C-alpha atoms as a PDB file:
ATOM      1  CA  MET A   1      -5.385  56.410  28.597  1.00  0.00           C
ATOM      2  CA  SER A   2      -7.709  54.726  30.019  1.00  0.00           C
ATOM      3  CA  ILE A   3     -11.032  52.386  29.297  1.00  0.00           C
ATOM      4  CA  SER A   4     -14.222  52.778  31.471  1.00  0.00           C
ATOM      5  CA  ASN A   5     -16.923  50.877  31.683  1.00  0.00           C
ATOM      6  CA  ASN A   6     -18.987  53.304  30.064  1.00  0.00           C
ATOM      7  CA  ASP A   7     -16.726  52.406  27.225  1.00  0.00           C
ATOM      8  CA  VAL A   8     -17.168  49.092  27.137  1.00  0.00           C
ATOM      9  CA  GLN A   9     -21.181  49.500  27.705  1.00  0.00           C
ATOM     10  CA  HIS A  10     -20.790  51.681  24.574  1.00  0.00           C
ATOM     11  CA  VAL A  11     -18.719  49.250  22.438  1.00  0.00           C
ATOM     12  CA  ALA A  12     -20.889  46.068  24.046  1.00  0.00           C
ATOM     13  CA  LYS A  13     -24.133  47.896  22.764  1.00  0.00           C
ATOM     14  CA  LEU A  14     -22.447  48.828  18.979  1.00  0.00           C
ATOM     15  CA  ALA A  15     -21.733  45.217  18.711  1.00  0.00           C
ATOM     16  CA  ARG A  16     -25.421  44.070  20.566  1.00  0.00           C
ATOM     17  CA  LEU A  17     -23.690  42.101  23.225  1.00  0.00           C
ATOM     18  CA  ASN A  18     -25.451  41.514  26.366  1.00  0.00           C
ATOM     19  CA  LEU A  19     -22.700  41.872  29.059  1.00  0.00           C
ATOM     20  CA  THR A  20     -23.180  41.403  32.645  1.00  0.00           C
ATOM     21  CA  ALA A  21     -21.988  43.954  35.283  1.00  0.00           C
ATOM     22  CA  GLU A  22     -18.824  40.851  35.705  1.00  0.00           C
ATOM     23  CA  GLU A  23     -17.889  40.677  32.160  1.00  0.00           C
ATOM     24  CA  GLU A  24     -18.060  44.494  31.760  1.00  0.00           C
ATOM     25  CA  GLN A  25     -15.687  44.624  34.795  1.00  0.00           C
ATOM     26  CA  THR A  26     -13.535  42.172  33.553  1.00  0.00           C
ATOM     27  CA  LEU A  27     -13.161  43.789  30.432  1.00  0.00           C
ATOM     28  CA  THR A  28     -12.504  47.229  31.449  1.00  0.00           C
ATOM     29  CA  GLY A  29      -9.517  45.219  33.641  1.00  0.00           C
ATOM     30  CA  GLN A  30      -8.292  43.547  30.419  1.00  0.00           C
ATOM     31  CA  LEU A  31      -8.325  46.279  28.266  1.00  0.00           C
ATOM     32  CA  ASN A  32      -6.573  48.805  30.568  1.00  0.00           C
ATOM     33  CA  ALA A  33      -4.031  46.326  30.974  1.00  0.00           C
ATOM     34  CA  ILE A  34      -3.901  46.155  27.355  1.00  0.00           C
ATOM     35  CA  LEU A  35      -3.406  49.760  26.998  1.00  0.00           C
ATOM     36  CA  LYS A  36      -1.018  49.736  29.616  1.00  0.00           C
ATOM     37  CA  TYR A  37       1.083  47.231  28.097  1.00  0.00           C
ATOM     38  CA  ALA A  38       1.344  48.907  24.659  1.00  0.00           C
ATOM     39  CA  GLU A  39       2.253  52.569  26.164  1.00  0.00           C
ATOM     40  CA  LYS A  40       5.754  50.069  27.357  1.00  0.00           C
ATOM     41  CA  LEU A  41       6.333  51.051  23.209  1.00  0.00           C
ATOM     42  CA  ASN A  42       6.961  54.619  23.849  1.00  0.00           C
ATOM     43  CA  GLU A  43       9.736  54.002  26.410  1.00  0.00           C
ATOM     44  CA  LEU A  44      11.605  52.990  23.247  1.00  0.00           C
ATOM     45  CA  ASP A  45      14.320  54.846  21.482  1.00  0.00           C
ATOM     46  CA  THR A  46      12.957  54.878  17.650  1.00  0.00           C
ATOM     47  CA  GLU A  47      15.178  57.694  16.715  1.00  0.00           C
ATOM     48  CA  ASN A  48      17.195  55.926  13.958  1.00  0.00           C
ATOM     49  CA  ILE A  49      14.428  53.055  12.595  1.00  0.00           C
ATOM     50  CA  GLU A  50      13.341  53.302   9.474  1.00  0.00           C
ATOM     51  CA  PRO A  51       9.491  53.133   9.236  1.00  0.00           C
ATOM     52  CA  THR A  52       8.768  50.003   7.701  1.00  0.00           C
ATOM     53  CA  THR A  53       5.743  48.276   6.883  1.00  0.00           C
ATOM     54  CA  HIS A  54       6.257  44.512   7.656  1.00  0.00           C
ATOM     55  CA  VAL A  55       8.419  43.517   9.897  1.00  0.00           C
ATOM     56  CA  LEU A  56       9.703  41.014   7.902  1.00  0.00           C
ATOM     57  CA  HIS A  57      11.062  41.853   3.920  1.00  0.00           C
ATOM     58  CA  VAL A  58       8.688  41.167   1.827  1.00  0.00           C
ATOM     59  CA  SER A  59       9.152  40.957  -2.625  1.00  0.00           C
ATOM     60  CA  ASN A  60       6.739  40.509  -4.779  1.00  0.00           C
ATOM     61  CA  VAL A  61       7.162  36.246  -5.860  1.00  0.00           C
ATOM     62  CA  MET A  62       4.499  35.960  -8.605  1.00  0.00           C
ATOM     63  CA  ARG A  63       5.512  35.478 -12.087  1.00  0.00           C
ATOM     64  CA  GLU A  64       5.962  37.604 -15.518  1.00  0.00           C
ATOM     65  CA  ASP A  65       2.772  37.944 -17.445  1.00  0.00           C
ATOM     66  CA  GLU A  66       2.462  35.602 -20.641  1.00  0.00           C
ATOM     67  CA  THR A  67       0.345  35.774 -23.150  1.00  0.00           C
ATOM     68  CA  LYS A  68      -0.502  32.183 -24.217  1.00  0.00           C
ATOM     69  CA  GLU A  69      -3.780  30.966 -26.655  1.00  0.00           C
ATOM     70  CA  SER A  70      -6.712  30.624 -25.304  1.00  0.00           C
ATOM     71  CA  LEU A  71     -10.291  28.397 -25.533  1.00  0.00           C
ATOM     72  CA  SER A  72     -12.367  29.063 -28.440  1.00  0.00           C
ATOM     73  CA  ILE A  73     -15.594  30.295 -28.760  1.00  0.00           C
ATOM     74  CA  GLU A  74     -17.006  27.063 -29.525  1.00  0.00           C
ATOM     75  CA  GLN A  75     -15.154  25.236 -26.862  1.00  0.00           C
ATOM     76  CA  VAL A  76     -16.331  27.689 -24.114  1.00  0.00           C
ATOM     77  CA  MET A  77     -19.934  27.238 -25.221  1.00  0.00           C
ATOM     78  CA  ARG A  78     -19.805  23.413 -24.888  1.00  0.00           C
ATOM     79  CA  ASN A  79     -19.588  24.032 -21.154  1.00  0.00           C
ATOM     80  CA  ALA A  80     -23.168  26.076 -21.403  1.00  0.00           C
ATOM     81  CA  PRO A  81     -26.224  24.638 -20.476  1.00  0.00           C
ATOM     82  CA  GLU A  82     -28.438  27.200 -22.755  1.00  0.00           C
ATOM     83  CA  GLU A  83     -26.183  29.687 -25.367  1.00  0.00           C
ATOM     84  CA  GLU A  84     -27.539  32.440 -27.149  1.00  0.00           C
ATOM     85  CA  GLU A  85     -25.255  34.388 -30.076  1.00  0.00           C
ATOM     86  CA  GLY A  86     -21.968  33.376 -28.730  1.00  0.00           C
ATOM     87  CA  GLN A  87     -22.685  34.249 -25.122  1.00  0.00           C
ATOM     88  CA  PHE A  88     -23.859  32.079 -21.785  1.00  0.00           C
ATOM     89  CA  LYS A  89     -27.871  32.775 -21.869  1.00  0.00           C
ATOM     90  CA  VAL A  90     -29.099  32.732 -18.249  1.00  0.00           C
ATOM     91  CA  PRO A  91     -32.603  33.275 -16.892  1.00  0.00           C
ATOM     92  CA  ALA A  92     -33.415  36.774 -16.096  1.00  0.00           C
ATOM     93  CA  VAL A  93     -33.142  37.871 -12.634  1.00  0.00           C
ATOM     94  CA  MET A  94     -35.631  41.174 -12.954  1.00  0.00           C
ATOM     95  CA  GLU A  95     -38.711  41.547 -14.986  1.00  0.00           C
END
């Protein structure tokens, strides 16, 4: 697989980039070099390698959920600039 100038122009248009002809040539060469390097991975023998989702062993480090006492409505409403029927009152955003 290789990248053409047309591919670079198309992506630049989608990204709304104004590239000069020289920049298009440079990017085409760089992207083709990246693809060529990535193709080397096809040469590796991965027959006995298990698929992984991450290169490092990752485990869940979160704590267990514990129920704790919460603030009362009165305590919460002390922070409200305005309150109505036990709820925060905010300005209307739609008429």
